[in-house]
Amino acid sequence: MRDVDVVIVGAGPAGCATAINLAPFQRVLLVERRVEVAPRVGESLVPAARRLFADMGLLESFLREEHEPWYGNRSVWGSSAPEERDFLRDPDGHGWHLDRPRFESWLRALAQERGAELLSPATLDDLQRHDKKWSIRLKTDQNSIEVTARFVIDAGGQSAPLARKLGQKSRVLENLVCCYVYGRDQASGARGMTYVEAVRNGWFYTAPIPHGRRILAFHTDADLHDKRHGVIEWLEEAPGLSSLLANVRFVPDDETFITSARSAVLEPAAGEGWLAVGDALMSFDPLSSQGLFNALFTALAAAEAVDSHLKGNQLSLTQYHHITRAIFEAYQQKLSATYAAERRWPDAPFWKRRV
């Protein structure tokens, strides 16, 4: 039987960032089901993340990673005329297009440098609460490990494995899916800019990522997705994007991926001896470009709340709940306004649902 202060289930960006901020003050065990960092969609990090890294004492280390700068967005949305918005006037400067696996490996290493222990591969098998402590059983490749903890944190992504075991459910706003493919640009150009183009059945997104590579993604509702079609087959609906890809001589990889891109929120965000962070707490439509930023922000807020709670502050978890709910409500309003700006296909199911 091992005894720690906090068990964090999930060592993605939210889990690792929580551990980074909590481990200097509490005994933290990170539990992750994968040994290696898996390729994962979501490579855009907004300029405001600069302030979060500074608050965590990580800014210089992050900048040394030299991820590709993100200078702005070009879109065809609401009309056939392209529109461009840059970050030149943003007080935080440019954002970043990340090498996502390298970014996550960096966070894992930092969490361990700050004092967190990483147990991988391992999954949550069972947990029970007795006398204000958790009894937790973790399953590894070889055996089961029994752990006691004062607090548990769900950082397990949209599946929210810990919250589900506690009987908690997420409220799903939309069942968006993302069908995506990676590839390589064989010609220079269009670096530093994301590109979004709305089409009748959803919308496209592309962005350059480090080492001359690019991600191309199509988003639609789960019930509208034709599994016979990959991303490339839909491109004839997006002439602007097709032209961009032709200019950079984009060559896609052979494998196409599909993942949930839904908007959802866990209710409540916290309870007796537990809370959720990142996608386990609230997941964002990729159109907002807020997923990674909010994973980092909720991680920082969660670490502060948990440390304060374990030191006797009875209000810190309630405050965390209110902070995160305000974020999600603001996100809903902005996302609704963005979708409402596209009115070229009023009879199409995808857009009718977003009126």
Foldseek 3Di string as FASTA:
>chain_A
DAEWAEEEEALFLLRLLLLLLQQLPTAYEYAAQAPAQDDDPFFWFFLVVLVLCVVSVRNVVVVVVVWFWAFWEWECFLHNDIDIDGCPVPPSGTIGREPRRVVSVVSNVSSVVSPYHYDPNKHWDDWDDDPQKIWTWIDDPPGIDTYIHNAYEQAPAQVSVVCVNVVWDKDWDAFKKKKKFKWFQPADDPANYKYKYAFLFFIKIKHATPPRMIMIITMHGPVPDDPVDGRVVPCVRPVVVVVVCVVRVTDTDPDMDMDTQTWIAIPQQADRRYGYAQNSGTGHRCVVSCRSVRSSVLSNLVSVLSSVVVVPDPCSVVVSRVVVVVVSVVRVVVVLVRLVSHDPNCPRPRSVSSD
